[in-house]
Amino acid sequence: GARVEIRRSFARQKENQRMHQKESQRIEEEARSKGISARHALREVNRHYEDQREIARRVRSLYEDAFTYYLSAIVYELNREYNDAYIDLKRVQKLRPGVPCVEDDLLRMAKLSGLSDALKEWMDRFGRPPALRKDTQEGEIFLFFGCGMAPGKGQIKISVPIPEVGFIGLALPKYEPVPNPIAHAALYDDQGRFYGRTFVLTDLEALSIRSLEDRMPMLTLKQVLRAAIKGVVVKTARDQGGWAGELAANLYNIITEQADLRSWQTLPQNIQVARIPLRAGHHELVFALYGKTGGKVQERPFSLDVRPGEKIFLNARTGAWDLVGFNVFQLGPKAGDG
């Protein structure tokens, strides 16, 4: 079942890319047929998005998601398909380098797949050998943390000159990041012993802004096409009805020209992960949230009985300020090995 859902997500990523390319091509062909260019308009539009360029650059690929690949690798590993898990982990490493649990998993999957050359390469890069799980003595927690809130869309309005039409108002969306005081989460025991912390795997804030940036040439051209048609209507109204007709047409255009502000505002700002081994037995644990300045913001104590070889999934979620979701699912001790 998990495999089916993961394959669907991969298919959707490819479909999104195909649809974007197809729509862009259609709009460009329509503009060419009407002799309309949005080059000057796009230059003016881009000035209003300069302040978000650094956020957009945090994304390496718009149509590949590191978190999806990591979930896929986990499923393959739990089914003892280590070579397939290794392939997906290599994609994760390329998209989001520097995540400790991904590095550890790459080392282990290279070892369990018998890929001696690849294992040596990763050991040289990461500076450590693989740490194999001791399933007769310990279980482990997969910690998935949805941190903060994804940005919402606001609207900006820009006036640009269109040849033979005059100045036309464009209404375009712009993402507005939601402030997030939480930097990461960590796991402790009730004695203060540190077990591990989360690292960002998918930056949904940056992904949203980069997606809009990539779509901006098409959105601008589409707006210019529509504005040009409205401009002709205004010119006709002026020729036939004088200033009153022009005023009425302009008022209509102002009212009807609105940007598409739909967005997935219930998504987290980013998705973070950690993978933490725990000795078998009873544990009194603390899930802690840390702020951007390094201080502890919130704690959530919980108890856990860990069986040898057990895989435990902890899914936590914060909203704009604090913890809003916390669920623990224990898969069982015979789901995987290694």
Protein backbone atom coordinates (compact mmCIF):
# COMPACT_ATOMS: atom_id res chain seq x y z
CA GLY A 1 0.00 0.00 0.00
CA ALA A 2 2.80 2.43 0.84
CA ARG A 3 4.49 1.61 -2.45
CA VAL A 4 1.32 2.47 -4.38
CA GLU A 5 1.04 5.87 -2.70
CA ILE A 6 4.72 6.63 -3.30
CA ARG A 7 4.44 5.71 -6.98
CA ARG A 8 1.44 8.03 -7.23
CA SER A 9 3.43 10.87 -5.72
CA PHE A 10 6.28 10.34 -8.19
CA ALA A 11 3.76 10.25 -11.06
CA ARG A 12 2.17 13.48 -9.81
CA GLN A 13 5.53 15.24 -9.74
CA LYS A 14 6.14 14.28 -13.37
CA GLU A 15 2.60 15.26 -14.33
CA ASN A 16 3.02 18.69 -12.69
CA GLN A 17 6.14 19.29 -14.74
CA ARG A 18 4.43 18.16 -17.96
CA MET A 19 1.36 20.33 -17.33
CA HIS A 20 3.52 23.39 -16.61
CA GLN A 21 5.46 22.92 -19.85
CA LYS A 22 2.29 22.35 -21.84
CA GLU A 23 0.51 25.44 -20.45
CA SER A 24 3.58 27.63 -20.99
CA GLN A 25 3.83 26.49 -24.59
CA ARG A 26 0.13 27.20 -25.21
CA ILE A 27 0.32 30.74 -23.78
CA GLU A 28 3.49 31.54 -25.74
CA GLU A 29 1.91 30.36 -28.99
CA GLU A 30 -1.20 32.45 -28.34
CA ALA A 31 0.93 35.53 -27.63
CA ARG A 32 2.96 35.03 -30.81
CA SER A 33 -0.21 34.69 -32.89
CA LYS A 34 -1.41 38.07 -31.53
CA GLY A 35 1.99 39.73 -31.82
CA ILE A 36 2.16 40.42 -28.08
CA SER A 37 5.35 40.35 -26.00
CA ALA A 38 5.59 40.47 -22.21
CA ARG A 39 9.34 41.13 -22.09
CA HIS A 40 9.10 44.69 -20.78
CA ALA A 41 6.22 43.81 -18.47
CA LEU A 42 8.15 40.87 -17.00
CA ARG A 43 11.13 43.10 -16.27
CA GLU A 44 8.87 45.41 -14.29
CA VAL A 45 7.13 42.48 -12.56
CA ASN A 46 10.42 40.87 -11.51
CA ARG A 47 11.41 43.98 -9.55
CA HIS A 48 8.56 43.26 -7.14
CA TYR A 49 9.86 39.75 -6.36
CA GLU A 50 13.56 40.53 -5.84
CA ASP A 51 13.18 40.36 -2.06
CA GLN A 52 12.36 36.63 -2.26
CA ARG A 53 15.13 35.50 -4.59
CA GLU A 54 17.28 34.14 -1.74
CA ILE A 55 14.38 32.02 -0.45
CA ALA A 56 13.77 30.57 -3.92
CA ARG A 57 17.46 29.63 -4.26
CA ARG A 58 17.14 27.24 -1.31
CA VAL A 59 15.44 24.75 -3.68
CA ARG A 60 17.63 22.60 -5.93
CA SER A 61 14.86 20.95 -7.95
CA LEU A 62 11.28 22.10 -8.34
CA TYR A 63 9.83 18.77 -9.46
CA GLU A 64 11.70 16.35 -7.18
CA ASP A 65 11.00 16.12 -3.45
CA ALA A 66 13.63 14.83 -1.03
CA PHE A 67 11.04 13.80 1.57
CA THR A 68 9.14 11.64 -0.92
CA TYR A 69 12.34 9.88 -1.94
CA TYR A 70 13.23 9.35 1.72
CA LEU A 71 9.84 7.75 2.44
CA SER A 72 10.35 5.53 -0.59
CA ALA A 73 13.77 4.48 0.70
CA ILE A 74 12.28 3.58 4.09
CA VAL A 75 9.61 1.41 2.46
CA TYR A 76 12.24 -0.39 0.37
CA GLU A 77 14.42 -0.92 3.43
CA LEU A 78 11.57 -2.34 5.51
CA ASN A 79 10.94 -4.79 2.65
CA ARG A 80 14.67 -5.69 2.67
CA GLU A 81 15.14 -4.26 -0.84
CA TYR A 82 18.34 -2.52 0.08
CA ASN A 83 19.62 -1.72 -3.41
CA ASP A 84 16.39 0.10 -4.31
CA ALA A 85 16.56 1.96 -0.99
CA TYR A 86 20.13 2.95 -1.79
CA ILE A 87 19.11 4.41 -5.18
CA ASP A 88 16.44 6.63 -3.61
CA LEU A 89 18.78 7.71 -0.82
CA LYS A 90 21.31 8.88 -3.40
CA ARG A 91 18.59 11.12 -4.84
CA VAL A 92 17.84 12.48 -1.37
CA GLN A 93 21.52 13.22 -0.78
CA LYS A 94 21.74 15.10 -4.07
CA LEU A 95 18.63 17.18 -3.36
CA ARG A 96 19.33 17.85 0.33
CA PRO A 97 22.94 17.15 1.40
CA GLY A 98 24.01 17.39 5.01
CA VAL A 99 21.15 15.49 6.73
CA PRO A 100 22.80 13.06 9.22
CA CYS A 101 20.18 10.29 9.10
CA VAL A 102 20.30 10.27 5.28
CA GLU A 103 24.08 9.91 5.41
CA ASP A 104 23.81 7.07 7.95
CA ASP A 105 21.20 5.31 5.82
CA LEU A 106 23.34 5.66 2.68
CA LEU A 107 26.27 4.01 4.45
CA ARG A 108 24.12 1.15 5.76
CA MET A 109 22.33 0.52 2.46
CA ALA A 110 25.62 0.51 0.54
CA LYS A 111 26.96 -2.03 3.06
CA LEU A 112 23.83 -4.23 3.00
CA SER A 113 23.69 -4.09 -0.82
CA GLY A 114 27.28 -5.28 -1.10
CA LEU A 115 28.36 -2.12 -2.93
CA SER A 116 31.94 -2.04 -1.66
CA ASP A 117 33.20 0.72 -3.98
CA ALA A 118 30.21 2.96 -3.21
CA LEU A 119 30.59 2.25 0.52
CA LYS A 120 34.23 3.31 0.46
CA GLU A 121 33.32 6.50 -1.42
CA TRP A 122 30.64 7.44 1.12
CA MET A 123 32.87 6.56 4.06
CA ASP A 124 35.57 8.84 2.67
CA ARG A 125 33.05 11.63 2.15
CA PHE A 126 31.30 11.38 5.53
CA GLY A 127 34.35 10.36 7.55
CA ARG A 128 32.72 7.41 9.34
CA PRO A 129 31.82 3.73 8.81
CA PRO A 130 28.23 2.41 8.62
CA ALA A 131 26.43 1.83 11.92
CA LEU A 132 24.35 -1.34 11.56
CA ARG A 133 21.23 -1.71 13.71
CA LYS A 134 21.28 -4.18 16.59
CA ASP A 135 17.78 -5.56 16.18
CA THR A 136 18.15 -8.02 19.06
CA GLN A 137 18.89 -5.19 21.49
CA GLU A 138 17.24 -2.03 20.18
CA GLY A 139 14.45 -0.48 18.16
CA GLU A 140 14.39 2.90 16.47
CA ILE A 141 12.26 6.00 16.02
CA PHE A 142 11.58 7.65 12.67
CA LEU A 143 10.77 11.23 13.64
CA PHE A 144 8.84 13.26 11.06
CA PHE A 145 8.33 16.89 12.00
CA GLY A 146 6.10 19.34 10.07
CA CYS A 147 7.40 22.71 11.23
CA GLY A 148 5.49 26.00 10.95
CA MET A 149 3.00 27.08 8.30
CA ALA A 150 3.39 27.36 4.54
CA PRO A 151 3.19 30.87 3.08
CA GLY A 152 -0.13 32.33 1.94
CA LYS A 153 -0.66 34.44 -1.16
CA GLY A 154 -1.17 38.17 -1.24
CA GLN A 155 -1.82 40.34 -4.27
CA ILE A 156 0.30 43.01 -5.93
CA LYS A 157 -0.91 45.35 -8.68
CA ILE A 158 1.40 46.77 -11.31
CA SER A 159 0.83 49.21 -14.18
CA VAL A 160 2.74 48.39 -17.39
CA PRO A 161 2.64 49.94 -20.87
CA ILE A 162 1.15 47.83 -23.68
CA PRO A 163 1.83 49.05 -27.25
CA GLU A 164 -1.24 50.56 -28.96
CA VAL A 165 -3.26 50.09 -25.78
CA GLY A 166 -1.62 52.26 -23.11
CA PHE A 167 -0.97 51.54 -19.44
CA ILE A 168 -2.67 48.40 -18.17
CA GLY A 169 -3.00 47.20 -14.57
CA LEU A 170 -1.82 43.66 -13.78
CA ALA A 171 -2.86 41.76 -10.64
CA LEU A 172 -0.33 39.08 -9.65
CA PRO A 173 0.05 36.79 -6.62
CA LYS A 174 2.99 36.99 -4.25
CA TYR A 175 3.69 34.61 -1.40
CA GLU A 176 3.76 36.08 2.08
CA PRO A 177 5.90 33.94 4.46
CA VAL A 178 4.34 33.16 7.84
CA PRO A 179 6.69 33.92 10.78
CA ASN A 180 7.90 30.72 12.43
CA PRO A 181 9.70 30.82 15.80
CA ILE A 182 10.62 27.09 15.69
CA ALA A 183 13.97 26.01 14.19
CA HIS A 184 14.01 22.26 14.93
CA ALA A 185 12.88 19.52 17.30
CA ALA A 186 14.94 17.18 19.50
CA LEU A 187 14.44 14.04 21.57
CA TYR A 188 15.64 13.59 25.17
CA ASP A 189 14.96 11.24 28.02
CA ASP A 190 13.59 12.45 31.35
CA GLN A 191 17.14 12.68 32.72
CA GLY A 192 18.13 15.16 30.03
CA ARG A 193 20.14 12.67 27.93
CA PHE A 194 20.16 13.84 24.29
CA TYR A 195 19.15 11.27 21.62
CA GLY A 196 18.95 13.28 18.41
CA ARG A 197 17.47 16.25 16.58
CA THR A 198 15.62 16.88 13.34
CA PHE A 199 17.00 18.42 10.13
CA VAL A 200 15.09 19.99 7.23
CA LEU A 201 14.51 17.60 4.34
CA THR A 202 11.90 19.51 2.30
CA ASP A 203 11.59 23.31 2.41
CA LEU A 204 7.96 23.93 1.40
CA GLU A 205 8.20 27.69 1.87
CA ALA A 206 11.09 27.89 -0.60
CA LEU A 207 9.40 25.36 -2.90
CA SER A 208 6.23 27.48 -3.06
CA ILE A 209 8.12 30.69 -3.81
CA ARG A 210 10.39 29.00 -6.37
CA SER A 211 7.35 27.46 -8.08
CA LEU A 212 5.72 30.88 -8.41
CA GLU A 213 9.01 32.34 -9.67
CA ASP A 214 9.23 29.68 -12.38
CA ARG A 215 5.62 30.30 -13.38
CA MET A 216 5.93 34.10 -13.39
CA PRO A 217 6.85 34.48 -17.10
CA MET A 218 3.76 32.46 -18.05
CA LEU A 219 1.52 34.24 -15.53
CA THR A 220 2.73 37.64 -16.69
CA LEU A 221 2.20 36.78 -20.36
CA LYS A 222 -1.27 35.46 -19.59
CA GLN A 223 -2.12 38.68 -17.74
CA VAL A 224 -0.75 40.82 -20.56
CA LEU A 225 -2.88 38.92 -23.09
CA ARG A 226 -5.99 39.45 -21.00
CA ALA A 227 -5.06 43.07 -20.28
CA ALA A 228 -4.54 43.75 -23.97
CA ILE A 229 -8.05 42.51 -24.72
CA LYS A 230 -9.45 44.67 -21.93
CA GLY A 231 -7.42 47.61 -23.24
CA VAL A 232 -9.04 47.29 -26.62
CA VAL A 233 -12.43 47.31 -24.88
CA VAL A 234 -11.49 50.52 -23.05
CA LYS A 235 -10.32 52.15 -26.28
CA THR A 236 -13.56 51.18 -28.01
CA ALA A 237 -15.58 52.49 -25.06
CA ARG A 238 -13.70 55.80 -25.25
CA ASP A 239 -14.24 56.10 -28.99
CA GLN A 240 -17.96 55.30 -28.74
CA GLY A 241 -18.95 56.69 -25.35
CA GLY A 242 -16.41 59.38 -24.59
CA TRP A 243 -14.94 59.82 -21.12
CA ALA A 244 -18.00 58.24 -19.44
CA GLY A 245 -17.64 55.06 -21.48
CA GLU A 246 -13.90 54.94 -20.80
CA LEU A 247 -14.48 55.44 -17.06
CA ALA A 248 -17.06 52.65 -16.92
CA ALA A 249 -14.79 50.26 -18.80
CA ASN A 250 -11.82 51.09 -16.56
CA LEU A 251 -13.88 50.59 -13.41
CA TYR A 252 -15.01 47.20 -14.71
CA ASN A 253 -11.40 46.19 -15.43
CA ILE A 254 -10.26 47.23 -11.94
CA ILE A 255 -13.03 45.19 -10.32
CA THR A 256 -12.53 42.08 -12.43
CA GLU A 257 -8.70 42.05 -12.44
CA GLN A 258 -7.80 39.90 -9.44
CA ALA A 259 -4.89 37.53 -8.87
CA ASP A 260 -5.42 33.84 -8.13
CA LEU A 261 -4.75 33.63 -4.39
CA ARG A 262 -5.45 29.93 -3.89
CA SER A 263 -2.67 28.11 -1.99
CA TRP A 264 -2.06 25.18 0.37
CA GLN A 265 -1.91 27.18 3.60
CA THR A 266 -2.39 24.14 5.86
CA LEU A 267 0.96 22.66 4.79
CA PRO A 268 4.00 23.10 7.05
CA GLN A 269 6.74 25.59 6.31
CA ASN A 270 9.20 22.70 6.11
CA ILE A 271 9.40 18.95 6.77
CA GLN A 272 12.18 17.74 9.05
CA VAL A 273 13.37 14.22 9.87
CA ALA A 274 15.49 12.28 12.34
CA ARG A 275 16.15 8.57 12.78
CA ILE A 276 17.11 7.61 16.32
CA PRO A 277 18.03 4.17 17.72
CA LEU A 278 16.69 3.32 21.20
CA ARG A 279 17.60 0.40 23.40
CA ALA A 280 14.78 -2.06 24.04
CA GLY A 281 12.74 -1.41 27.17
CA HIS A 282 10.68 1.31 28.78
CA HIS A 283 11.54 4.96 28.12
CA GLU A 284 10.33 8.24 29.57
CA LEU A 285 11.05 10.65 26.74
CA VAL A 286 10.74 14.37 26.03
CA PHE A 287 10.00 15.86 22.62
CA ALA A 288 11.41 19.40 22.65
CA LEU A 289 11.02 22.35 20.27
CA TYR A 290 13.89 24.81 19.82
CA GLY A 291 13.69 28.40 18.61
CA LYS A 292 15.79 30.26 16.06
CA THR A 293 18.04 31.64 18.82
CA GLY A 294 18.79 28.15 20.18
CA GLY A 295 16.61 28.24 23.28
CA LYS A 296 14.03 25.62 24.19
CA VAL A 297 10.50 26.80 23.34
CA GLN A 298 8.23 23.90 24.31
CA GLU A 299 8.37 20.34 25.67
CA ARG A 300 6.07 17.35 25.30
CA PRO A 301 6.82 14.34 27.61
CA PHE A 302 5.67 10.86 26.58
CA SER A 303 6.26 7.22 27.51
CA LEU A 304 7.40 4.52 25.14
CA ASP A 305 7.91 0.75 25.41
CA VAL A 306 10.40 -0.34 22.76
CA ARG A 307 10.72 -3.95 21.64
CA PRO A 308 13.86 -5.33 19.96
CA GLY A 309 13.78 -4.63 16.21
CA GLU A 310 10.71 -2.38 16.48
CA LYS A 311 10.15 0.53 14.08
CA ILE A 312 8.37 3.48 15.70
CA PHE A 313 7.03 6.43 13.72
CA LEU A 314 6.62 9.73 15.57
CA ASN A 315 4.77 12.38 13.58
CA ALA A 316 4.72 15.90 15.10
CA ARG A 317 3.40 19.17 13.75
CA THR A 318 3.58 22.79 14.83
CA GLY A 319 1.35 25.60 13.66
CA ALA A 320 2.35 29.25 13.59
CA TRP A 321 3.54 29.17 17.22
CA ASP A 322 3.42 25.84 19.04
CA LEU A 323 2.74 22.09 18.90
CA VAL A 324 -0.64 21.20 17.37
CA GLY A 325 -0.16 17.52 16.50
CA PHE A 326 1.71 14.59 18.09
CA ASN A 327 1.16 10.94 17.10
CA VAL A 328 3.17 7.76 17.72
CA PHE A 329 2.72 4.62 15.63
CA GLN A 330 4.57 1.41 16.52
CA LEU A 331 5.01 -0.85 13.51
CA GLY A 332 6.25 -4.03 15.19
CA PRO A 333 9.55 -5.83 15.65
CA LYS A 334 9.59 -7.94 12.46
CA ALA A 335 9.12 -5.30 9.79
CA GLY A 336 12.76 -5.15 8.75
CA ASP A 337 16.29 -5.95 9.68
CA GLY A 338 19.80 -4.59 9.20
